[in-house]
Amino acid sequence: MRIHQSLFLALAIATLHACAPSGPKMVATGQQGMQHLTVDLSYVYWTTSDGRTSTLYKALKDDNQPPVQVVAVPGRVEALAVDDDGLYLVVSGAQGQDVIRKIPKKKGQPSDLVVSKNKITSIALDATHVYWTQNGNPGDSDDTMTPGVLRVMRTGGTPLNLATRQQGIPRQITLSATHVYWVDSEPGKQNTILGLRKGGGSVITMAVVPDAETSGVPALASDDTSLYYKTRTTIMRLNADGGVAVKFATIPDSDSSILAIDAHNLYFEGPRGPMRFGLAGGPAVPVADGAGPAIAVDSQAVYWLTAGSVIQMPKR
């Protein structure tokens, strides 16, 4: 009888542990010079840099195996994205050029979808295209060399200019199902948030944010109905096609340019670590301590980089 009771108790405790929300999990540690982070259904991916070489790593989300090096590249990785087929790195400083390099997840060799003499500043993906922002000379006679927004098929091809001759430095590109959004940053002056329908049309001025309100470039995130942007102390919301920006939330003072979104929450970097704010309203809530340079989310967890570690926190 005691043996059966002991087994029952052990099973009950195990069930409680399995059902109870767990705390932060360390996916990897000892990572120096961490920069960028993204996730897919199975893996967490991140980059590190020693100033001359950047390295892409991956680790299974639900395993305790050590991280695996995917690739090392000369230069600095400026942005990272992932889709079902592969990983996309913006690599700067490789032979004096910027490239968007696709790393297949399965078979095949890495390939450069884009090779540019301009500085590529951000990247985003949808089901068919790779989008990016670039710096350049506004007065150049060649539109493709001016500051702007471009896209190319995920399988490669000729890039298409969506917006050219921006006044500042285009950054922080983000996508919805129907729109492309970005920030035209004029340091020391202002940041103009712009939008454009993917199918074409005129560029929309969504909002103008004085530089003093951000101490940098506003972070952007979007869903199918709204665009959100973050200043030092507020999150603002606009309709997808523009209009008047309304204050969506007051948040702790932070100069981070990180903003992520899922079906229920916005996530941003607070003074002490990642925080979340419900799309339905309510106060900003800390996710955990440990500030860092990147946040990513999926349907089950929040991920971030801090103090040489990659951390995973189940959603509650």
Protein backbone atom coordinates (compact mmCIF):
# COMPACT_ATOMS: atom_id res chain seq x y z
CA MET A 1 0.00 0.00 0.00
CA ARG A 2 2.79 2.43 0.90
CA ILE A 3 4.49 1.73 -2.43
CA HIS A 4 1.28 2.54 -4.30
CA GLN A 5 0.82 5.72 -2.22
CA SER A 6 4.41 6.77 -2.92
CA LEU A 7 3.96 6.22 -6.63
CA PHE A 8 0.68 8.14 -6.60
CA LEU A 9 2.32 11.06 -4.77
CA ALA A 10 5.27 11.12 -7.14
CA LEU A 11 2.95 11.14 -10.15
CA ALA A 12 0.85 13.90 -8.62
CA ILE A 13 3.90 16.08 -7.96
CA ALA A 14 5.19 15.48 -11.49
CA THR A 15 1.80 16.43 -12.92
CA LEU A 16 1.70 19.64 -10.89
CA HIS A 17 5.18 20.59 -12.08
CA ALA A 18 4.22 19.87 -15.68
CA CYS A 19 1.04 21.96 -15.46
CA ALA A 20 2.44 24.86 -13.45
CA PRO A 21 3.91 27.83 -15.31
CA SER A 22 7.68 27.71 -15.14
CA GLY A 23 10.11 30.58 -14.72
CA PRO A 24 12.85 31.80 -17.02
CA LYS A 25 14.89 29.13 -18.77
CA MET A 26 18.46 29.72 -19.90
CA VAL A 27 18.70 28.56 -23.52
CA ALA A 28 22.40 29.43 -23.78
CA THR A 29 25.04 31.22 -21.76
CA GLY A 30 28.61 32.43 -22.19
CA GLN A 31 27.71 34.28 -25.40
CA GLN A 32 29.87 37.36 -25.96
CA GLY A 33 28.90 40.31 -28.15
CA MET A 34 25.27 39.26 -28.67
CA GLN A 35 23.34 41.38 -31.17
CA HIS A 36 20.21 39.96 -32.81
CA LEU A 37 17.57 37.36 -32.02
CA THR A 38 14.74 35.54 -33.81
CA VAL A 39 12.72 32.34 -33.44
CA ASP A 40 10.84 29.79 -35.53
CA LEU A 41 8.71 26.80 -34.53
CA SER A 42 11.63 24.76 -33.19
CA TYR A 43 14.70 26.93 -32.72
CA VAL A 44 16.02 30.11 -31.18
CA TYR A 45 18.62 31.90 -33.34
CA TRP A 46 21.02 34.68 -32.36
CA THR A 47 24.20 36.36 -33.52
CA THR A 48 27.40 37.37 -31.78
CA SER A 49 30.26 39.56 -32.95
CA ASP A 50 33.88 40.10 -31.97
CA GLY A 51 34.15 43.21 -34.15
CA ARG A 52 35.63 41.39 -37.14
CA THR A 53 33.53 38.25 -37.48
CA SER A 54 29.88 37.59 -36.73
CA THR A 55 28.57 34.15 -35.81
CA LEU A 56 25.03 32.78 -36.09
CA TYR A 57 23.96 30.19 -33.52
CA LYS A 58 20.83 28.12 -32.96
CA ALA A 59 19.44 26.09 -30.05
CA LEU A 60 16.33 23.96 -29.71
CA LYS A 61 13.64 25.68 -27.66
CA ASP A 62 12.58 22.62 -25.71
CA ASP A 63 15.89 20.86 -25.18
CA ASN A 64 18.92 21.36 -22.98
CA GLN A 65 21.46 20.65 -25.69
CA PRO A 66 24.30 23.17 -26.21
CA PRO A 67 23.91 25.71 -29.01
CA VAL A 68 25.08 24.87 -32.51
CA GLN A 69 27.05 27.24 -34.74
CA VAL A 70 25.22 27.72 -38.03
CA VAL A 71 27.67 29.97 -39.85
CA ALA A 72 30.41 32.56 -39.27
CA VAL A 73 30.77 35.51 -41.64
CA PRO A 74 33.31 38.33 -41.98
CA GLY A 75 31.87 41.69 -41.01
CA ARG A 76 29.01 42.67 -38.74
CA VAL A 77 25.45 41.32 -38.85
CA GLU A 78 23.12 44.34 -38.79
CA ALA A 79 19.79 42.46 -38.89
CA LEU A 80 18.42 38.92 -38.71
CA ALA A 81 15.15 37.35 -39.92
CA VAL A 82 13.78 33.85 -40.44
CA ASP A 83 11.08 32.10 -42.49
CA ASP A 84 10.21 28.47 -43.24
CA ASP A 85 13.02 28.11 -45.77
CA GLY A 86 15.98 29.86 -44.24
CA LEU A 87 17.66 32.62 -42.28
CA TYR A 88 18.42 36.05 -43.68
CA LEU A 89 21.42 38.04 -42.47
CA VAL A 90 22.23 41.65 -43.28
CA VAL A 91 26.03 41.59 -43.29
CA SER A 92 27.88 44.90 -43.30
CA GLY A 93 31.51 45.55 -44.07
CA ALA A 94 32.14 42.46 -46.17
CA GLN A 95 34.52 43.73 -48.89
CA GLY A 96 33.13 47.24 -48.52
CA GLN A 97 29.57 46.19 -49.32
CA ASP A 98 26.36 45.27 -47.51
CA VAL A 99 24.67 42.01 -48.42
CA ILE A 100 21.44 40.21 -47.57
CA ARG A 101 22.57 36.61 -47.26
CA LYS A 102 20.12 33.70 -47.22
CA ILE A 103 21.19 30.63 -45.22
CA PRO A 104 19.01 27.62 -46.17
CA LYS A 105 17.75 25.59 -43.21
CA LYS A 106 18.14 22.31 -45.03
CA LYS A 107 19.90 21.62 -48.31
CA GLY A 108 21.72 24.19 -50.38
CA GLN A 109 24.48 26.74 -50.05
CA PRO A 110 24.23 30.29 -48.69
CA SER A 111 23.42 32.86 -51.36
CA ASP A 112 23.46 36.65 -51.50
CA LEU A 113 20.02 37.91 -52.51
CA VAL A 114 21.18 41.53 -52.42
CA VAL A 115 24.63 43.09 -52.80
CA SER A 116 24.66 46.84 -52.20
CA LYS A 117 27.12 49.69 -51.90
CA ASN A 118 24.56 51.37 -49.63
CA LYS A 119 24.15 50.78 -45.91
CA ILE A 120 21.26 48.34 -45.29
CA THR A 121 19.65 49.33 -42.00
CA SER A 122 16.73 46.92 -41.40
CA ILE A 123 14.97 43.90 -42.90
CA ALA A 124 11.52 42.26 -42.82
CA LEU A 125 9.87 39.27 -44.52
CA ASP A 126 6.42 38.34 -45.74
CA ALA A 127 5.25 35.21 -47.56
CA THR A 128 6.77 36.22 -50.90
CA HIS A 129 9.33 39.03 -50.45
CA VAL A 130 12.28 40.35 -48.51
CA TYR A 131 11.95 44.07 -47.67
CA TRP A 132 14.71 46.36 -46.47
CA THR A 133 15.64 49.96 -45.77
CA GLN A 134 18.89 51.54 -46.87
CA ASN A 135 20.86 54.73 -46.37
CA GLY A 136 22.38 56.60 -49.28
CA ASN A 137 22.86 59.98 -50.92
CA PRO A 138 19.51 61.80 -51.39
CA GLY A 139 21.01 63.78 -54.28
CA ASP A 140 22.31 60.79 -56.26
CA SER A 141 21.07 60.69 -59.85
CA ASP A 142 20.43 56.95 -59.48
CA ASP A 143 17.25 56.29 -57.46
CA THR A 144 18.57 52.93 -56.31
CA MET A 145 21.46 54.66 -54.52
CA THR A 146 19.30 57.09 -52.52
CA PRO A 147 17.89 56.47 -49.02
CA GLY A 148 14.80 54.33 -49.44
CA VAL A 149 12.80 51.14 -49.14
CA LEU A 150 13.18 48.17 -51.48
CA ARG A 151 12.04 44.59 -51.86
CA VAL A 152 13.04 41.45 -53.74
CA MET A 153 11.45 38.02 -54.16
CA ARG A 154 12.57 35.55 -51.48
CA THR A 155 13.86 33.38 -54.31
CA GLY A 156 15.96 36.25 -55.68
CA GLY A 157 15.69 38.52 -58.69
CA THR A 158 15.82 42.25 -59.42
CA PRO A 159 15.10 44.54 -56.44
CA LEU A 160 12.15 46.91 -56.72
CA ASN A 161 12.26 50.45 -55.30
CA LEU A 162 9.18 51.17 -53.19
CA ALA A 163 10.26 54.57 -51.82
CA THR A 164 13.30 56.64 -52.79
CA ARG A 165 15.06 59.90 -51.88
CA GLN A 166 14.12 59.90 -48.21
CA GLN A 167 15.33 62.96 -46.30
CA GLY A 168 16.96 61.06 -43.44
CA ILE A 169 18.08 57.50 -42.75
CA PRO A 170 15.31 54.92 -43.27
CA ARG A 171 15.22 52.37 -40.42
CA GLN A 172 13.00 50.05 -38.37
CA ILE A 173 11.03 48.46 -41.22
CA THR A 174 7.97 46.46 -40.19
CA LEU A 175 5.16 44.80 -42.13
CA SER A 176 1.46 44.08 -41.81
CA ALA A 177 -0.56 41.97 -44.22
CA THR A 178 -1.19 45.02 -46.41
CA HIS A 179 1.40 47.70 -45.53
CA VAL A 180 5.10 48.47 -45.23
CA TYR A 181 6.11 50.90 -42.46
CA TRP A 182 9.44 52.48 -41.60
CA VAL A 183 11.07 55.42 -39.80
CA ASP A 184 12.86 58.15 -41.74
CA SER A 185 15.31 59.25 -39.06
CA GLU A 186 16.90 62.70 -39.06
CA PRO A 187 19.19 62.60 -36.00
CA GLY A 188 18.98 65.67 -33.79
CA LYS A 189 15.79 66.81 -35.51
CA GLN A 190 12.91 64.38 -35.90
CA ASN A 191 11.78 60.89 -36.86
CA THR A 192 9.07 60.63 -39.52
CA ILE A 193 7.06 57.40 -39.48
CA LEU A 194 5.96 56.51 -43.00
CA GLY A 195 3.75 53.87 -44.58
CA LEU A 196 2.99 52.46 -47.98
CA ARG A 197 0.54 49.84 -49.24
CA LYS A 198 2.35 46.79 -50.59
CA GLY A 199 0.32 46.97 -53.77
CA GLY A 200 1.56 50.50 -54.48
CA GLY A 201 0.34 54.06 -54.10
CA SER A 202 1.60 57.16 -52.35
CA VAL A 203 3.78 57.18 -49.26
CA ILE A 204 1.72 58.08 -46.16
CA THR A 205 3.11 60.25 -43.37
CA MET A 206 1.88 58.39 -40.30
CA ALA A 207 3.45 60.55 -37.56
CA VAL A 208 6.31 62.98 -36.91
CA VAL A 209 8.14 62.37 -33.62
CA PRO A 210 10.58 64.99 -32.29
CA ASP A 211 14.01 63.49 -31.64
CA ALA A 212 13.83 64.65 -28.01
CA GLU A 213 10.90 62.28 -27.38
CA THR A 214 12.86 59.18 -28.37
CA SER A 215 16.60 59.71 -27.76
CA GLY A 216 16.94 57.56 -30.88
CA VAL A 217 14.70 55.93 -33.44
CA PRO A 218 11.14 54.99 -32.43
CA ALA A 219 10.43 51.27 -32.29
CA LEU A 220 7.61 50.02 -34.56
CA ALA A 221 5.22 47.06 -34.49
CA SER A 222 2.06 46.36 -36.46
CA ASP A 223 -0.89 44.02 -36.81
CA ASP A 224 -3.62 43.92 -39.43
CA THR A 225 -5.51 46.93 -38.07
CA SER A 226 -2.99 49.18 -36.33
CA LEU A 227 0.54 50.53 -36.25
CA TYR A 228 2.21 51.05 -32.86
CA TYR A 229 5.27 53.09 -32.08
CA LYS A 230 7.26 53.59 -28.91
CA THR A 231 8.79 56.79 -27.56
CA ARG A 232 10.70 57.05 -24.28
CA THR A 233 7.57 57.05 -22.11
CA THR A 234 4.59 56.17 -24.32
CA ILE A 235 3.27 53.68 -26.83
CA MET A 236 1.17 55.35 -29.52
CA ARG A 237 -1.32 53.74 -31.90
CA LEU A 238 -2.47 54.67 -35.41
CA ASN A 239 -4.92 53.14 -37.84
CA ALA A 240 -3.25 51.06 -40.54
CA ASP A 241 -3.82 53.79 -43.19
CA GLY A 242 -2.84 56.68 -40.93
CA GLY A 243 -4.81 59.33 -39.10
CA VAL A 244 -4.35 60.84 -35.66
CA ALA A 245 -1.97 59.02 -33.31
CA VAL A 246 -3.52 58.29 -29.91
CA LYS A 247 -1.72 57.49 -26.68
CA PHE A 248 -2.12 53.76 -26.14
CA ALA A 249 -0.03 53.33 -22.98
CA THR A 250 2.23 55.15 -20.58
CA ILE A 251 5.35 53.09 -19.87
CA PRO A 252 8.48 53.38 -17.72
CA ASP A 253 11.12 55.68 -19.19
CA SER A 254 13.32 53.72 -21.61
CA ASP A 255 15.37 54.71 -24.65
CA SER A 256 15.26 51.21 -26.15
CA SER A 257 14.17 50.88 -29.79
CA ILE A 258 12.69 47.40 -29.29
CA LEU A 259 8.99 46.61 -29.77
CA ALA A 260 7.50 43.16 -30.48
CA ILE A 261 3.90 42.05 -30.88
CA ASP A 262 1.79 38.90 -30.68
CA ALA A 263 -1.95 38.30 -30.75
CA HIS A 264 -2.47 39.66 -27.23
CA ASN A 265 0.45 41.85 -26.12
CA LEU A 266 3.12 44.35 -27.04
CA TYR A 267 6.58 43.66 -25.62
CA PHE A 268 9.28 46.26 -25.05
CA GLU A 269 12.53 46.70 -23.17
CA GLY A 270 11.98 48.46 -19.86
CA PRO A 271 14.65 49.91 -17.57
CA ARG A 272 15.24 46.53 -15.89
CA GLY A 273 14.22 44.05 -18.54
CA PRO A 274 11.44 43.01 -20.92
CA MET A 275 7.90 44.19 -20.18
CA ARG A 276 4.51 43.58 -21.77
CA PHE A 277 1.37 45.62 -22.30
CA GLY A 278 -1.95 44.05 -23.27
CA LEU A 279 -3.53 45.06 -26.56
CA ALA A 280 -6.82 45.10 -24.67
CA GLY A 281 -5.41 47.61 -22.15
CA GLY A 282 -4.15 47.46 -18.57
CA PRO A 283 -0.83 48.35 -16.96
CA ALA A 284 2.63 47.54 -18.27
CA VAL A 285 3.84 44.37 -16.52
CA PRO A 286 7.47 43.18 -16.12
CA VAL A 287 8.21 39.85 -17.81
CA ALA A 288 11.49 39.34 -15.94
CA ASP A 289 14.67 41.17 -14.95
CA GLY A 290 17.60 41.40 -17.34
CA ALA A 291 17.80 44.15 -19.97
CA GLY A 292 19.38 43.42 -23.32
CA PRO A 293 19.57 44.27 -27.04
CA ALA A 294 16.78 42.09 -28.48
CA ILE A 295 13.36 40.51 -27.80
CA ALA A 296 11.47 37.88 -29.81
CA VAL A 297 8.11 36.22 -29.21
CA ASP A 298 6.20 33.16 -30.40
CA SER A 299 2.86 31.68 -29.36
CA GLN A 300 4.31 30.07 -26.23
CA ALA A 301 7.15 32.19 -24.87
CA VAL A 302 9.14 35.42 -24.79
CA TYR A 303 12.87 35.33 -25.58
CA TRP A 304 15.55 37.91 -24.94
CA LEU A 305 19.30 38.46 -24.76
CA THR A 306 20.93 39.66 -21.55
CA ALA A 307 24.34 39.46 -19.87
CA GLY A 308 25.75 36.89 -22.29
CA SER A 309 22.71 34.63 -22.08
CA VAL A 310 19.68 33.72 -24.19
CA ILE A 311 16.59 33.52 -21.96
CA GLN A 312 13.19 31.92 -22.59
CA MET A 313 10.14 32.80 -20.45
CA PRO A 314 6.86 30.91 -20.90
CA LYS A 315 3.84 33.16 -21.36
CA ARG A 316 1.40 33.14 -18.46
